[in-house]
């Protein structure tokens, strides 16, 4: 498994402002929760992508 498989991005507006990569999904999801708690303000977007298959695993705010 790639140590950079799970990619976490914080964006404000259309600009990425912070990135993180983890090899374990469990770790990446924990970081996702932490980033939302710390940086989740109006206008921000946090997304977690599985780089192996390109799928969006979760995003905040939830747009569904």
PDB file of N, CA and C in Angstrom:
ATOM      1  N   UNK A   1       0.845  -1.181   0.000  1.00  0.00           N
ATOM      2  CA  UNK A   1       0.000   0.000   0.000  1.00  0.00           C
ATOM      3  C   UNK A   1       0.889   1.243   0.000  1.00  0.00           C
ATOM      4  N   UNK A   2       0.498   2.226  -0.791  1.00  0.00           N
ATOM      5  CA  UNK A   2       1.261   3.461  -0.909  1.00  0.00           C
ATOM      6  C   UNK A   2       1.138   4.304   0.352  1.00  0.00           C
ATOM      7  N   UNK A   3       2.247   4.890   0.815  1.00  0.00           N
ATOM      8  CA  UNK A   3       2.168   5.769   1.979  1.00  0.00           C
ATOM      9  C   UNK A   3       1.463   7.085   1.669  1.00  0.00           C
ATOM     10  N   UNK A   4       1.154   7.332   0.404  1.00  0.00           N
ATOM     11  CA  UNK A   4       0.460   8.554   0.007  1.00  0.00           C
ATOM     12  C   UNK A   4      -0.877   8.243  -0.656  1.00  0.00           C
ATOM     13  N   UNK A   5      -1.495   7.132  -0.273  1.00  0.00           N
ATOM     14  CA  UNK A   5      -2.734   6.704  -0.922  1.00  0.00           C
ATOM     15  C   UNK A   5      -3.913   7.622  -0.606  1.00  0.00           C
ATOM     16  N   UNK A   6      -4.050   8.049   0.640  1.00  0.00           N
ATOM     17  CA  UNK A   6      -5.216   8.818   1.061  1.00  0.00           C
ATOM     18  C   UNK A   6      -4.832  10.289   1.166  1.00  0.00           C
ATOM     19  N   UNK A   7      -5.433  11.098   0.302  1.00  0.00           N
ATOM     20  CA  UNK A   7      -5.068  12.505   0.147  1.00  0.00           C
ATOM     21  C   UNK A   7      -6.155  13.394   0.725  1.00  0.00           C
ATOM     22  N   UNK A   8      -5.763  14.210   1.669  1.00  0.00           N
ATOM     23  CA  UNK A   8      -6.659  15.138   2.337  1.00  0.00           C
ATOM     24  C   UNK A   8      -6.329  16.548   1.870  1.00  0.00           C
ATOM     25  N   UNK A   9      -7.354  17.311   1.502  1.00  0.00           N
ATOM     26  CA  UNK A   9      -7.162  18.671   1.013  1.00  0.00           C
ATOM     27  C   UNK A   9      -8.094  19.632   1.737  1.00  0.00           C
ATOM     28  N   UNK A  10      -7.549  20.763   2.139  1.00  0.00           N
ATOM     29  CA  UNK A  10      -8.328  21.876   2.651  1.00  0.00           C
ATOM     30  C   UNK A  10      -8.264  22.961   1.592  1.00  0.00           C
ATOM     31  N   UNK A  11      -9.421  23.435   1.173  1.00  0.00           N
ATOM     32  CA  UNK A  11      -9.473  24.514   0.182  1.00  0.00           C
ATOM     33  C   UNK A  11     -10.348  25.637   0.703  1.00  0.00           C
ATOM     34  N   UNK A  12      -9.969  26.849   0.357  1.00  0.00           N
ATOM     35  CA  UNK A  12     -10.808  28.008   0.622  1.00  0.00           C
ATOM     36  C   UNK A  12     -11.072  28.649  -0.730  1.00  0.00           C
ATOM     37  N   UNK A  13     -12.340  28.854  -1.008  1.00  0.00           N
ATOM     38  CA  UNK A  13     -12.691  29.290  -2.354  1.00  0.00           C
ATOM     39  C   UNK A  13     -12.309  28.167  -3.317  1.00  0.00           C
ATOM     40  N   UNK A  14     -11.610  28.503  -4.362  1.00  0.00           N
ATOM     41  CA  UNK A  14     -11.157  27.499  -5.327  1.00  0.00           C
ATOM     42  C   UNK A  14      -9.694  27.144  -5.148  1.00  0.00           C
ATOM     43  N   UNK A  15      -9.071  27.589  -4.068  1.00  0.00           N
ATOM     44  CA  UNK A  15      -7.634  27.398  -3.885  1.00  0.00           C
ATOM     45  C   UNK A  15      -7.320  26.411  -2.773  1.00  0.00           C
ATOM     46  N   UNK A  16      -6.560  25.358  -3.090  1.00  0.00           N
ATOM     47  CA  UNK A  16      -6.095  24.471  -2.023  1.00  0.00           C
ATOM     48  C   UNK A  16      -5.126  25.238  -1.119  1.00  0.00           C
ATOM     49  N   UNK A  17      -5.309  25.098   0.179  1.00  0.00           N
ATOM     50  CA  UNK A  17      -4.439  25.801   1.115  1.00  0.00           C
ATOM     51  C   UNK A  17      -3.614  24.859   1.982  1.00  0.00           C
ATOM     52  N   UNK A  18      -4.028  23.591   2.069  1.00  0.00           N
ATOM     53  CA  UNK A  18      -3.289  22.623   2.870  1.00  0.00           C
ATOM     54  C   UNK A  18      -3.556  21.223   2.319  1.00  0.00           C
ATOM     55  N   UNK A  19      -2.524  20.382   2.327  1.00  0.00           N
ATOM     56  CA  UNK A  19      -2.616  19.002   1.852  1.00  0.00           C
ATOM     57  C   UNK A  19      -1.997  18.069   2.887  1.00  0.00           C
ATOM     58  N   UNK A  20      -2.449  16.832   2.894  1.00  0.00           N
ATOM     59  CA  UNK A  20      -1.835  15.783   3.698  1.00  0.00           C
ATOM     60  C   UNK A  20      -2.056  14.450   3.021  1.00  0.00           C
ATOM     61  N   UNK A  21      -1.106  13.536   3.178  1.00  0.00           N
ATOM     62  CA  UNK A  21      -1.199  12.207   2.583  1.00  0.00           C
ATOM     63  C   UNK A  21      -0.877  11.170   3.648  1.00  0.00           C
ATOM     64  N   UNK A  22      -1.679  10.102   3.677  1.00  0.00           N
ATOM     65  CA  UNK A  22      -1.470   9.009   4.631  1.00  0.00           C
ATOM     66  C   UNK A  22      -1.657   7.676   3.940  1.00  0.00           C
ATOM     67  N   UNK A  23      -0.999   6.672   4.449  1.00  0.00           N
ATOM     68  CA  UNK A  23      -1.073   5.333   3.893  1.00  0.00           C
ATOM     69  C   UNK A  23      -2.225   4.518   4.442  1.00  0.00           C
ATOM     70  N   UNK A  24      -2.751   4.900   5.592  1.00  0.00           N
ATOM     71  CA  UNK A  24      -3.846   4.163   6.223  1.00  0.00           C
ATOM     72  C   UNK A  24      -5.112   5.006   6.201  1.00  0.00           C
ATOM     73  N   UNK A  25      -6.196   4.405   5.736  1.00  0.00           N
ATOM     74  CA  UNK A  25      -7.466   5.122   5.670  1.00  0.00           C
ATOM     75  C   UNK A  25      -7.934   5.557   7.053  1.00  0.00           C
ATOM     76  N   UNK A  26      -7.766   4.721   8.044  1.00  0.00           N
ATOM     77  CA  UNK A  26      -8.187   5.042   9.407  1.00  0.00           C
ATOM     78  C   UNK A  26      -7.499   6.318   9.902  1.00  0.00           C
ATOM     79  N   UNK A  27      -6.216   6.449   9.645  1.00  0.00           N
ATOM     80  CA  UNK A  27      -5.470   7.639  10.042  1.00  0.00           C
ATOM     81  C   UNK A  27      -5.969   8.855   9.285  1.00  0.00           C
ATOM     82  N   UNK A  28      -6.156   8.711   7.969  1.00  0.00           N
ATOM     83  CA  UNK A  28      -6.617   9.824   7.141  1.00  0.00           C
ATOM     84  C   UNK A  28      -7.999  10.303   7.575  1.00  0.00           C
ATOM     85  N   UNK A  29      -8.888   9.381   7.927  1.00  0.00           N
ATOM     86  CA  UNK A  29     -10.226   9.779   8.377  1.00  0.00           C
ATOM     87  C   UNK A  29     -10.164  10.503   9.722  1.00  0.00           C
ATOM     88  N   UNK A  30      -9.261  10.095  10.578  1.00  0.00           N
ATOM     89  CA  UNK A  30      -9.059  10.813  11.845  1.00  0.00           C
ATOM     90  C   UNK A  30      -8.568  12.230  11.606  1.00  0.00           C
ATOM     91  N   UNK A  31      -7.646  12.384  10.669  1.00  0.00           N
ATOM     92  CA  UNK A  31      -7.153  13.710  10.308  1.00  0.00           C
ATOM     93  C   UNK A  31      -8.268  14.543   9.679  1.00  0.00           C
ATOM     94  N   UNK A  32      -9.114  13.910   8.852  1.00  0.00           N
ATOM     95  CA  UNK A  32     -10.249  14.604   8.256  1.00  0.00           C
ATOM     96  C   UNK A  32     -11.113  15.223   9.354  1.00  0.00           C
ATOM     97  N   UNK A  33     -11.474  14.430  10.346  1.00  0.00           N
ATOM     98  CA  UNK A  33     -12.309  14.924  11.451  1.00  0.00           C
ATOM     99  C   UNK A  33     -11.618  16.078  12.176  1.00  0.00           C
ATOM    100  N   UNK A  34     -10.315  15.946  12.387  1.00  0.00           N
ATOM    101  CA  UNK A  34      -9.553  16.990  13.059  1.00  0.00           C
ATOM    102  C   UNK A  34      -9.530  18.276  12.237  1.00  0.00           C
ATOM    103  N   UNK A  35      -9.301  18.152  10.934  1.00  0.00           N
ATOM    104  CA  UNK A  35      -9.260  19.338  10.068  1.00  0.00           C
ATOM    105  C   UNK A  35     -10.614  20.024  10.024  1.00  0.00           C
ATOM    106  N   UNK A  36     -11.687  19.254   9.937  1.00  0.00           N
ATOM    107  CA  UNK A  36     -13.029  19.862   9.927  1.00  0.00           C
ATOM    108  C   UNK A  36     -13.248  20.615  11.236  1.00  0.00           C
ATOM    109  N   UNK A  37     -12.867  20.018  12.349  1.00  0.00           N
ATOM    110  CA  UNK A  37     -13.027  20.674  13.642  1.00  0.00           C
ATOM    111  C   UNK A  37     -12.202  21.934  13.779  1.00  0.00           C
ATOM    112  N   UNK A  38     -11.029  21.950  13.179  1.00  0.00           N
ATOM    113  CA  UNK A  38     -10.130  23.098  13.290  1.00  0.00           C
ATOM    114  C   UNK A  38     -10.361  24.142  12.211  1.00  0.00           C
ATOM    115  N   UNK A  39     -10.522  23.700  10.973  1.00  0.00           N
ATOM    116  CA  UNK A  39     -10.572  24.607   9.825  1.00  0.00           C
ATOM    117  C   UNK A  39     -11.940  24.699   9.167  1.00  0.00           C
ATOM    118  N   UNK A  40     -12.935  23.978   9.670  1.00  0.00           N
ATOM    119  CA  UNK A  40     -14.248  23.943   9.034  1.00  0.00           C
ATOM    120  C   UNK A  40     -15.050  25.199   9.287  1.00  0.00           C
ATOM    121  N   UNK A  41     -14.801  26.215   8.506  1.00  0.00           N
ATOM    122  CA  UNK A  41     -15.499  27.484   8.610  1.00  0.00           C
ATOM    123  C   UNK A  41     -16.220  27.764   7.298  1.00  0.00           C
ATOM    124  N   UNK A  42     -17.181  28.679   7.286  1.00  0.00           N
ATOM    125  CA  UNK A  42     -17.866  28.999   6.029  1.00  0.00           C
ATOM    126  C   UNK A  42     -16.865  29.371   4.929  1.00  0.00           C
ATOM    127  N   UNK A  43     -17.058  28.787   3.766  1.00  0.00           N
ATOM    128  CA  UNK A  43     -16.170  29.028   2.635  1.00  0.00           C
ATOM    129  C   UNK A  43     -15.054  28.020   2.501  1.00  0.00           C
ATOM    130  N   UNK A  44     -14.857  27.178   3.520  1.00  0.00           N
ATOM    131  CA  UNK A  44     -13.809  26.154   3.466  1.00  0.00           C
ATOM    132  C   UNK A  44     -14.406  24.839   2.976  1.00  0.00           C
ATOM    133  N   UNK A  45     -13.550  24.012   2.393  1.00  0.00           N
ATOM    134  CA  UNK A  45     -13.948  22.669   1.963  1.00  0.00           C
ATOM    135  C   UNK A  45     -12.809  21.714   2.312  1.00  0.00           C
ATOM    136  N   UNK A  46     -13.163  20.597   2.946  1.00  0.00           N
ATOM    137  CA  UNK A  46     -12.195  19.561   3.284  1.00  0.00           C
ATOM    138  C   UNK A  46     -12.623  18.303   2.547  1.00  0.00           C
ATOM    139  N   UNK A  47     -11.701  17.677   1.821  1.00  0.00           N
ATOM    140  CA  UNK A  47     -12.043  16.461   1.077  1.00  0.00           C
ATOM    141  C   UNK A  47     -10.973  15.402   1.269  1.00  0.00           C
ATOM    142  N   UNK A  48     -11.422  14.159   1.270  1.00  0.00           N
ATOM    143  CA  UNK A  48     -10.543  13.005   1.396  1.00  0.00           C
ATOM    144  C   UNK A  48     -10.744  12.116   0.178  1.00  0.00           C
ATOM    145  N   UNK A  49      -9.655  11.868  -0.554  1.00  0.00           N
ATOM    146  CA  UNK A  49      -9.702  11.100  -1.800  1.00  0.00           C
ATOM    147  C   UNK A  49      -8.784   9.896  -1.684  1.00  0.00           C
ATOM    148  N   UNK A  50      -9.244   8.759  -2.195  1.00  0.00           N
ATOM    149  CA  UNK A  50      -8.414   7.562  -2.338  1.00  0.00           C
ATOM    150  C   UNK A  50      -7.679   7.712  -3.664  1.00  0.00           C
ATOM    151  N   UNK A  51      -6.392   8.019  -3.613  1.00  0.00           N
ATOM    152  CA  UNK A  51      -5.610   8.264  -4.825  1.00  0.00           C
ATOM    153  C   UNK A  51      -5.429   7.003  -5.668  1.00  0.00           C
ATOM    154  N   UNK A  52      -5.588   5.833  -5.059  1.00  0.00           N
ATOM    155  CA  UNK A  52      -5.418   4.583  -5.804  1.00  0.00           C
ATOM    156  C   UNK A  52      -6.501   4.420  -6.864  1.00  0.00           C
ATOM    157  N   UNK A  53      -7.734   4.782  -6.534  1.00  0.00           N
ATOM    158  CA  UNK A  53      -8.824   4.626  -7.507  1.00  0.00           C
ATOM    159  C   UNK A  53      -9.529   5.938  -7.842  1.00  0.00           C
ATOM    160  N   UNK A  54      -9.070   7.051  -7.247  1.00  0.00           N
ATOM    161  CA  UNK A  54      -9.618   8.363  -7.566  1.00  0.00           C
ATOM    162  C   UNK A  54     -10.971   8.674  -6.955  1.00  0.00           C
ATOM    163  N   UNK A  55     -11.422   7.860  -6.016  1.00  0.00           N
ATOM    164  CA  UNK A  55     -12.761   8.090  -5.461  1.00  0.00           C
ATOM    165  C   UNK A  55     -12.729   9.072  -4.288  1.00  0.00           C
ATOM    166  N   UNK A  56     -13.748   9.907  -4.214  1.00  0.00           N
ATOM    167  CA  UNK A  56     -13.943  10.800  -3.096  1.00  0.00           C
ATOM    168  C   UNK A  56     -14.546   9.986  -1.956  1.00  0.00           C
ATOM    169  N   UNK A  57     -13.848   9.914  -0.833  1.00  0.00           N
ATOM    170  CA  UNK A  57     -14.320   9.124   0.301  1.00  0.00           C
ATOM    171  C   UNK A  57     -15.270   9.917   1.185  1.00  0.00           C
ATOM    172  N   UNK A  58     -14.957  11.190   1.393  1.00  0.00           N
ATOM    173  CA  UNK A  58     -15.819  12.050   2.192  1.00  0.00           C
ATOM    174  C   UNK A  58     -15.430  13.505   1.942  1.00  0.00           C
ATOM    175  N   UNK A  59     -16.358  14.388   2.232  1.00  0.00           N
ATOM    176  CA  UNK A  59     -16.104  15.819   2.066  1.00  0.00           C
ATOM    177  C   UNK A  59     -16.920  16.598   3.075  1.00  0.00           C
ATOM    178  N   UNK A  60     -16.416  17.739   3.440  1.00  0.00           N
ATOM    179  CA  UNK A  60     -17.125  18.675   4.302  1.00  0.00           C
ATOM    180  C   UNK A  60     -17.073  20.034   3.642  1.00  0.00           C
ATOM    181  N   UNK A  61     -18.126  20.779   3.551  1.00  0.00           N
ATOM    182  CA  UNK A  61     -19.465  20.347   3.954  1.00  0.00           C
ATOM    183  C   UNK A  61     -20.004  19.284   3.008  1.00  0.00           C
ATOM    184  N   UNK A  62     -20.885  18.470   3.533  1.00  0.00           N
ATOM    185  CA  UNK A  62     -21.531  17.423   2.739  1.00  0.00           C
ATOM    186  C   UNK A  62     -22.472  18.076   1.757  1.00  0.00           C
ATOM    187  N   UNK A  63     -22.247  17.837   0.483  1.00  0.00           N
ATOM    188  CA  UNK A  63     -23.061  18.478  -0.556  1.00  0.00           C
ATOM    189  C   UNK A  63     -24.114  17.565  -1.158  1.00  0.00           C
ATOM    190  N   UNK A  64     -24.396  16.441  -0.492  1.00  0.00           N
ATOM    191  CA  UNK A  64     -25.396  15.524  -1.038  1.00  0.00           C
ATOM    192  C   UNK A  64     -26.799  15.893  -0.639  1.00  0.00           C
TER     193      UNK A  64
END
